[in-house]
């Protein structure tokens, strides 16, 4: 009976994909907690509008 051979992992530890980096750095001071008046979802944003992104794209407002 042969002992099990552990396969070498191909995961890169400690390396982050560039697609996960933010395009524009956002400071926490600009973020505010808002509740959407249409779907009542609570989220953080720095936009002046209070309608969430999903309601805006569905044009439910």
N, C-alpha and C. Protein backbone atom coordinates (compact mmCIF):
# COMPACT_ATOMS: atom_id res chain seq x y z
N UNK A 1 0.84 -1.17 0.00
CA UNK A 1 0.00 0.00 0.00
C UNK A 1 0.89 1.24 0.00
N UNK A 2 0.66 2.12 -0.95
CA UNK A 2 1.48 3.33 -1.06
C UNK A 2 0.92 4.43 -0.16
N UNK A 3 1.79 5.20 0.47
CA UNK A 3 1.29 6.34 1.26
C UNK A 3 0.78 7.43 0.32
N UNK A 4 -0.20 8.18 0.80
CA UNK A 4 -0.76 9.26 -0.01
C UNK A 4 0.27 10.37 -0.18
N UNK A 5 0.38 10.84 -1.38
CA UNK A 5 1.30 11.94 -1.68
C UNK A 5 0.50 13.22 -1.73
N UNK A 6 0.90 14.18 -0.95
CA UNK A 6 0.20 15.46 -0.91
C UNK A 6 0.58 16.28 -2.14
N UNK A 7 -0.45 16.76 -2.86
CA UNK A 7 -0.21 17.58 -4.03
C UNK A 7 0.20 18.98 -3.60
N UNK A 8 1.06 19.60 -4.36
CA UNK A 8 1.51 20.95 -4.06
C UNK A 8 0.40 21.93 -4.44
N UNK A 9 0.06 22.82 -3.53
CA UNK A 9 -0.98 23.80 -3.77
C UNK A 9 -0.50 24.86 -4.75
N UNK A 10 -1.38 25.26 -5.64
CA UNK A 10 -1.04 26.30 -6.60
C UNK A 10 -1.53 27.68 -6.16
N UNK A 11 -2.07 27.76 -4.94
CA UNK A 11 -2.52 29.05 -4.43
C UNK A 11 -1.32 29.92 -4.12
N UNK A 12 -1.45 31.19 -4.45
CA UNK A 12 -0.39 32.15 -4.16
C UNK A 12 -0.77 32.87 -2.87
N UNK A 13 -0.08 32.59 -1.82
CA UNK A 13 -0.40 33.14 -0.51
C UNK A 13 0.19 34.53 -0.38
N UNK A 14 -0.64 35.47 0.08
CA UNK A 14 -0.17 36.83 0.32
C UNK A 14 -0.17 37.72 -0.91
N UNK A 15 -0.63 37.23 -2.04
CA UNK A 15 -0.67 38.03 -3.26
C UNK A 15 -2.13 38.32 -3.58
N UNK A 16 -2.43 39.60 -3.81
CA UNK A 16 -3.80 40.00 -4.11
C UNK A 16 -3.92 40.38 -5.57
N UNK A 17 -4.99 39.99 -6.19
CA UNK A 17 -5.23 40.27 -7.61
C UNK A 17 -5.44 41.77 -7.80
N UNK A 18 -4.95 42.31 -8.91
CA UNK A 18 -5.09 43.74 -9.18
C UNK A 18 -6.53 44.13 -9.45
N UNK A 19 -7.36 43.19 -9.87
CA UNK A 19 -8.76 43.52 -10.14
C UNK A 19 -9.53 43.80 -8.85
N UNK A 20 -8.98 43.44 -7.69
CA UNK A 20 -9.64 43.70 -6.42
C UNK A 20 -9.24 45.04 -5.82
N UNK A 21 -8.25 45.71 -6.40
CA UNK A 21 -7.84 47.01 -5.90
C UNK A 21 -8.86 48.06 -6.31
N UNK A 22 -9.06 49.05 -5.46
CA UNK A 22 -10.00 50.12 -5.78
C UNK A 22 -9.38 51.04 -6.83
N UNK A 23 -10.21 51.51 -7.74
CA UNK A 23 -9.74 52.43 -8.78
C UNK A 23 -9.42 53.79 -8.18
N UNK A 24 -10.26 54.21 -7.24
CA UNK A 24 -10.08 55.50 -6.59
C UNK A 24 -10.09 55.26 -5.08
N UNK A 25 -9.09 55.73 -4.36
CA UNK A 25 -9.11 55.55 -2.91
C UNK A 25 -10.23 56.37 -2.27
N UNK A 26 -10.99 55.75 -1.36
CA UNK A 26 -12.11 56.41 -0.71
C UNK A 26 -11.77 56.60 0.76
N UNK A 27 -11.91 57.82 1.22
CA UNK A 27 -11.67 58.06 2.65
C UNK A 27 -12.94 57.75 3.42
N UNK A 28 -12.79 57.25 4.61
CA UNK A 28 -13.94 56.86 5.43
C UNK A 28 -14.75 58.06 5.89
N UNK A 29 -14.16 59.26 5.86
CA UNK A 29 -14.88 60.45 6.29
C UNK A 29 -15.99 60.82 5.32
N UNK A 30 -15.81 60.52 4.05
CA UNK A 30 -16.80 60.88 3.04
C UNK A 30 -17.98 59.91 3.02
N UNK A 31 -17.82 58.71 3.54
CA UNK A 31 -18.88 57.71 3.50
C UNK A 31 -19.95 58.03 4.54
N UNK A 32 -21.20 57.79 4.16
CA UNK A 32 -22.30 58.00 5.10
C UNK A 32 -23.28 56.84 4.96
N UNK A 33 -23.99 56.52 6.02
CA UNK A 33 -24.96 55.43 6.03
C UNK A 33 -26.30 56.00 5.60
N UNK A 34 -26.92 55.34 4.59
CA UNK A 34 -28.16 55.83 4.00
C UNK A 34 -29.14 54.67 3.89
N UNK A 35 -30.43 54.98 3.98
CA UNK A 35 -31.46 53.98 3.74
C UNK A 35 -32.20 54.35 2.47
N UNK A 36 -32.30 53.41 1.53
CA UNK A 36 -32.98 53.65 0.26
C UNK A 36 -34.48 53.82 0.52
N UNK A 37 -35.10 54.89 0.00
CA UNK A 37 -36.53 55.09 0.23
C UNK A 37 -37.41 54.11 -0.55
N UNK A 38 -36.87 53.46 -1.57
CA UNK A 38 -37.66 52.56 -2.41
C UNK A 38 -37.68 51.15 -1.83
N UNK A 39 -36.50 50.56 -1.62
CA UNK A 39 -36.42 49.16 -1.17
C UNK A 39 -36.06 49.04 0.31
N UNK A 40 -35.76 50.14 0.97
CA UNK A 40 -35.44 50.21 2.40
C UNK A 40 -34.13 49.50 2.77
N UNK A 41 -33.25 49.32 1.78
CA UNK A 41 -31.93 48.73 2.03
C UNK A 41 -31.03 49.78 2.68
N UNK A 42 -30.23 49.37 3.65
CA UNK A 42 -29.29 50.27 4.32
C UNK A 42 -27.91 49.99 3.75
N UNK A 43 -27.22 51.04 3.31
CA UNK A 43 -25.91 50.88 2.67
C UNK A 43 -25.08 52.13 2.92
N UNK A 44 -23.77 52.04 2.61
CA UNK A 44 -22.87 53.17 2.74
C UNK A 44 -22.58 53.75 1.36
N UNK A 45 -22.53 55.06 1.27
CA UNK A 45 -22.28 55.71 -0.01
C UNK A 45 -21.65 57.08 0.22
N UNK A 46 -21.08 57.61 -0.85
CA UNK A 46 -20.60 58.99 -0.81
C UNK A 46 -21.31 59.82 -1.88
N UNK A 47 -22.35 59.25 -2.51
CA UNK A 47 -23.14 59.97 -3.51
C UNK A 47 -24.17 60.85 -2.82
N UNK A 48 -24.54 61.97 -3.44
CA UNK A 48 -25.54 62.84 -2.82
C UNK A 48 -26.95 62.27 -2.87
N UNK A 49 -27.22 61.33 -3.80
CA UNK A 49 -28.55 60.74 -3.92
C UNK A 49 -28.75 59.65 -2.87
N UNK A 50 -29.98 59.43 -2.46
CA UNK A 50 -30.26 58.42 -1.44
C UNK A 50 -30.81 57.13 -2.03
N UNK A 51 -30.92 57.02 -3.35
CA UNK A 51 -31.45 55.82 -3.98
C UNK A 51 -30.30 54.86 -4.23
N UNK A 52 -30.48 53.57 -3.87
CA UNK A 52 -29.41 52.59 -4.01
C UNK A 52 -29.17 52.28 -5.49
N UNK A 53 -28.04 51.61 -5.76
CA UNK A 53 -27.64 51.34 -7.14
C UNK A 53 -28.59 50.38 -7.84
N UNK A 54 -29.09 49.38 -7.13
CA UNK A 54 -29.99 48.41 -7.77
C UNK A 54 -31.32 49.06 -8.13
N UNK A 55 -31.85 49.94 -7.29
CA UNK A 55 -33.11 50.63 -7.62
C UNK A 55 -32.89 51.64 -8.73
N UNK A 56 -31.73 52.25 -8.78
CA UNK A 56 -31.44 53.22 -9.83
C UNK A 56 -31.34 52.55 -11.20
N UNK A 57 -30.71 51.35 -11.24
CA UNK A 57 -30.57 50.66 -12.52
C UNK A 57 -31.90 50.05 -12.98
N UNK A 58 -32.76 49.69 -12.04
CA UNK A 58 -34.07 49.15 -12.40
C UNK A 58 -35.08 50.26 -12.68
N UNK A 59 -34.70 51.50 -12.41
CA UNK A 59 -35.56 52.68 -12.62
C UNK A 59 -36.86 52.54 -11.86
N UNK A 60 -36.74 52.12 -10.60
CA UNK A 60 -37.93 51.96 -9.77
C UNK A 60 -38.27 53.24 -9.01
N UNK A 61 -37.50 54.28 -9.19
CA UNK A 61 -37.76 55.50 -8.43
C UNK A 61 -38.59 56.46 -9.20
